[in-house]
Amino acid sequence: MIKIKQTKGQPRRKHGCLWTAIVCVLLYVGLCGLMGYFMGDLFSAPATKLEANGIYQLQLKGTLVEQGQEEDPFAALLGEVPGYGAPDANVGLDDILSNIRLAKSDDRILGIYLDGGSLSMGPASAKAIRDALLDFKTSGKWIIAYASNYGQMNYYLASVADKICLNP
């Protein structure tokens, strides 16, 4: 049997380093969470507040993609630097369809204003958006379309509108 000698004046420590490590890890995680919360709040866009008698403006510009993505802040900064072109705006098909459905059921929205005429999309995506617009019209709300010129797919979308305005 081995006996451990303990010197006088120095008490034996149990778990001293373990508790220090646990406290340090918890402080680190807490500070990282707090910093993430404030950074997320700093860079997030304010929520859109709808008022009564609003109009949903659907801008038909950019390139239609299957699923929309968050805007890259670094790409937006590079777009403002001379010599770098602004990145093409990608519009998510899922975002458009869900916004049309929400506008249909929201009593604060009176109608939809289709703005533009230069959205790059395929025929299947155009049909999906047009079907959603036709479903929107079943709520008794109106749709107005305006553009300075129309491509074939964009005119197909605008054909569902109650009124089409075109710049002469």
Protein backbone atom coordinates (compact mmCIF):
# COMPACT_ATOMS: atom_id res chain seq x y z
CA MET A 1 0.00 0.00 0.00
CA ILE A 2 1.25 3.42 -0.98
CA LYS A 3 0.77 6.37 1.28
CA ILE A 4 0.51 9.87 -0.14
CA LYS A 5 2.24 12.44 1.93
CA GLN A 6 0.59 15.78 2.30
CA THR A 7 2.70 18.74 3.17
CA LYS A 8 1.57 21.09 5.86
CA GLY A 9 -0.04 24.38 4.81
CA GLN A 10 -1.09 23.18 1.36
CA PRO A 11 -4.54 21.63 1.33
CA ARG A 12 -5.21 19.03 -1.29
CA ARG A 13 -7.32 20.46 -4.18
CA LYS A 14 -10.10 18.51 -5.76
CA HIS A 15 -11.68 19.62 -9.04
CA GLY A 16 -10.16 23.13 -8.97
CA CYS A 17 -9.08 23.10 -12.61
CA LEU A 18 -12.26 21.38 -13.77
CA TRP A 19 -14.52 24.11 -12.36
CA THR A 20 -12.30 26.83 -13.82
CA ALA A 21 -12.51 25.20 -17.25
CA ILE A 22 -16.31 24.83 -17.03
CA VAL A 23 -16.74 28.48 -16.02
CA CYS A 24 -14.45 29.64 -18.86
CA VAL A 25 -16.32 27.56 -21.45
CA LEU A 26 -19.69 28.86 -20.24
CA LEU A 27 -18.45 32.46 -20.34
CA TYR A 28 -17.08 31.94 -23.86
CA VAL A 29 -20.32 30.41 -25.14
CA GLY A 30 -22.37 33.16 -23.47
CA LEU A 31 -20.26 35.96 -24.93
CA CYS A 32 -20.33 34.39 -28.41
CA GLY A 33 -24.12 34.05 -28.22
CA LEU A 34 -24.51 37.63 -27.06
CA MET A 35 -22.26 38.94 -29.83
CA GLY A 36 -24.11 36.85 -32.41
CA TYR A 37 -27.44 38.23 -31.21
CA PHE A 38 -26.27 41.84 -31.51
CA MET A 39 -24.59 41.28 -34.89
CA GLY A 40 -27.71 39.59 -36.25
CA ASP A 41 -29.84 42.46 -35.01
CA LEU A 42 -27.44 44.99 -36.52
CA PHE A 43 -27.41 43.48 -40.02
CA SER A 44 -31.03 42.34 -40.26
CA ALA A 45 -33.60 44.31 -42.22
CA PRO A 46 -36.51 45.77 -40.31
CA ALA A 47 -39.79 43.90 -40.61
CA THR A 48 -42.21 45.23 -43.19
CA LYS A 49 -45.33 46.66 -41.62
CA LEU A 50 -48.49 46.45 -43.67
CA GLU A 51 -51.02 49.23 -43.44
CA ALA A 52 -54.64 49.16 -44.52
CA ASN A 53 -55.40 49.59 -48.24
CA GLY A 54 -51.95 48.42 -49.33
CA ILE A 55 -50.84 47.23 -52.76
CA TYR A 56 -48.42 44.35 -53.23
CA GLN A 57 -45.81 45.43 -55.78
CA LEU A 58 -44.32 42.44 -57.56
CA GLN A 59 -41.15 43.53 -59.36
CA LEU A 60 -40.48 41.38 -62.39
CA LYS A 61 -36.74 42.08 -62.66
CA GLY A 62 -33.69 39.89 -62.42
CA THR A 63 -33.34 36.14 -62.77
CA LEU A 64 -35.89 33.69 -61.41
CA VAL A 65 -34.35 30.85 -59.41
CA GLU A 66 -36.07 27.88 -57.80
CA GLN A 67 -35.40 29.00 -54.23
CA GLY A 68 -34.46 32.49 -53.08
CA GLN A 69 -31.31 33.12 -51.07
CA GLU A 70 -30.30 35.71 -48.53
CA GLU A 71 -28.56 38.72 -50.04
CA ASP A 72 -24.77 38.59 -49.72
CA PRO A 73 -23.66 41.84 -48.03
CA PHE A 74 -20.16 41.58 -49.51
CA ALA A 75 -21.52 41.28 -53.06
CA ALA A 76 -23.66 44.37 -52.45
CA LEU A 77 -20.58 46.27 -51.26
CA LEU A 78 -18.57 45.18 -54.32
CA GLY A 79 -21.42 46.31 -56.56
CA GLU A 80 -20.88 49.88 -55.32
CA VAL A 81 -17.13 49.84 -55.98
CA PRO A 82 -16.18 51.35 -59.36
CA GLY A 83 -15.02 48.67 -61.78
CA TYR A 84 -17.21 45.95 -60.32
CA GLY A 85 -20.64 45.37 -61.77
CA ALA A 86 -23.65 45.01 -59.55
CA PRO A 87 -24.67 41.37 -59.17
CA ASP A 88 -27.81 40.24 -60.95
CA ALA A 89 -30.77 40.06 -58.62
CA ASN A 90 -32.03 36.54 -58.09
CA VAL A 91 -35.71 36.20 -57.30
CA GLY A 92 -36.95 33.01 -55.68
CA LEU A 93 -39.98 31.30 -57.22
CA ASP A 94 -40.99 30.02 -53.80
CA ASP A 95 -40.89 33.58 -52.41
CA ILE A 96 -43.11 34.93 -55.20
CA LEU A 97 -45.68 32.14 -54.85
CA SER A 98 -45.87 32.39 -51.06
CA ASN A 99 -46.19 36.20 -51.19
CA ILE A 100 -49.06 35.95 -53.69
CA ARG A 101 -50.82 33.45 -51.41
CA LEU A 102 -50.31 35.73 -48.40
CA ALA A 103 -51.59 38.75 -50.33
CA LYS A 104 -54.71 36.81 -51.30
CA SER A 105 -55.63 36.06 -47.69
CA ASP A 106 -54.60 39.43 -46.20
CA ASP A 107 -57.48 41.90 -45.99
CA ARG A 108 -55.06 44.86 -45.89
CA ILE A 109 -53.95 44.14 -49.49
CA LEU A 110 -56.27 45.58 -52.17
CA GLY A 111 -54.46 44.28 -55.25
CA ILE A 112 -51.21 43.44 -56.99
CA TYR A 113 -49.12 45.79 -59.14
CA LEU A 114 -46.90 43.86 -61.58
CA ASP A 115 -43.90 46.13 -62.16
CA GLY A 116 -41.30 45.55 -64.82
CA GLY A 117 -41.14 43.12 -67.63
CA SER A 118 -37.54 41.86 -67.64
CA LEU A 119 -37.69 38.82 -65.35
CA SER A 120 -35.71 35.95 -66.87
CA MET A 121 -37.63 32.70 -66.34
CA GLY A 122 -38.66 29.48 -67.98
CA PRO A 123 -42.15 28.56 -69.21
CA ALA A 124 -42.90 26.24 -66.26
CA SER A 125 -42.04 28.95 -63.73
CA ALA A 126 -44.13 31.50 -65.65
CA LYS A 127 -47.10 29.12 -65.60
CA ALA A 128 -46.72 28.56 -61.85
CA ILE A 129 -46.71 32.32 -61.19
CA ARG A 130 -49.63 32.89 -63.60
CA ASP A 131 -51.66 30.15 -61.89
CA ALA A 132 -50.98 31.77 -58.51
CA LEU A 133 -52.11 35.14 -59.90
CA LEU A 134 -55.30 33.56 -61.28
CA ASP A 135 -55.93 32.05 -57.84
CA PHE A 136 -55.34 35.50 -56.32
CA LYS A 137 -58.04 36.98 -58.56
CA THR A 138 -60.62 34.53 -57.14
CA SER A 139 -60.50 36.62 -53.95
CA GLY A 140 -62.08 39.53 -55.84
CA LYS A 141 -58.93 41.64 -55.79
CA TRP A 142 -57.44 43.34 -58.84
CA ILE A 143 -54.14 43.06 -60.72
CA ILE A 144 -52.56 45.86 -62.77
CA ALA A 145 -49.44 45.39 -64.92
CA TYR A 146 -47.05 48.06 -66.21
CA ALA A 147 -43.77 47.92 -68.11
CA SER A 148 -41.81 49.90 -70.65
CA ASN A 149 -41.53 46.71 -72.76
CA TYR A 150 -42.49 43.07 -72.42
CA GLY A 151 -40.78 39.84 -73.35
CA GLN A 152 -42.88 36.81 -74.25
CA MET A 153 -42.86 35.21 -70.77
CA ASN A 154 -43.44 38.51 -68.99
CA TYR A 155 -46.36 39.35 -71.26
CA TYR A 156 -47.76 35.91 -70.52
CA LEU A 157 -47.70 36.84 -66.82
CA ALA A 158 -49.21 40.26 -67.48
CA SER A 159 -52.06 38.75 -69.51
CA VAL A 160 -53.77 37.72 -66.27
CA ALA A 161 -54.01 41.38 -65.17
CA ASP A 162 -57.24 43.38 -65.24
CA LYS A 163 -55.39 46.23 -66.90
CA ILE A 164 -52.08 46.28 -68.79
CA CYS A 165 -50.28 49.59 -69.17
CA LEU A 166 -47.39 49.90 -71.61
CA ASN A 167 -45.13 52.87 -72.17
CA PRO A 168 -45.61 54.09 -75.76
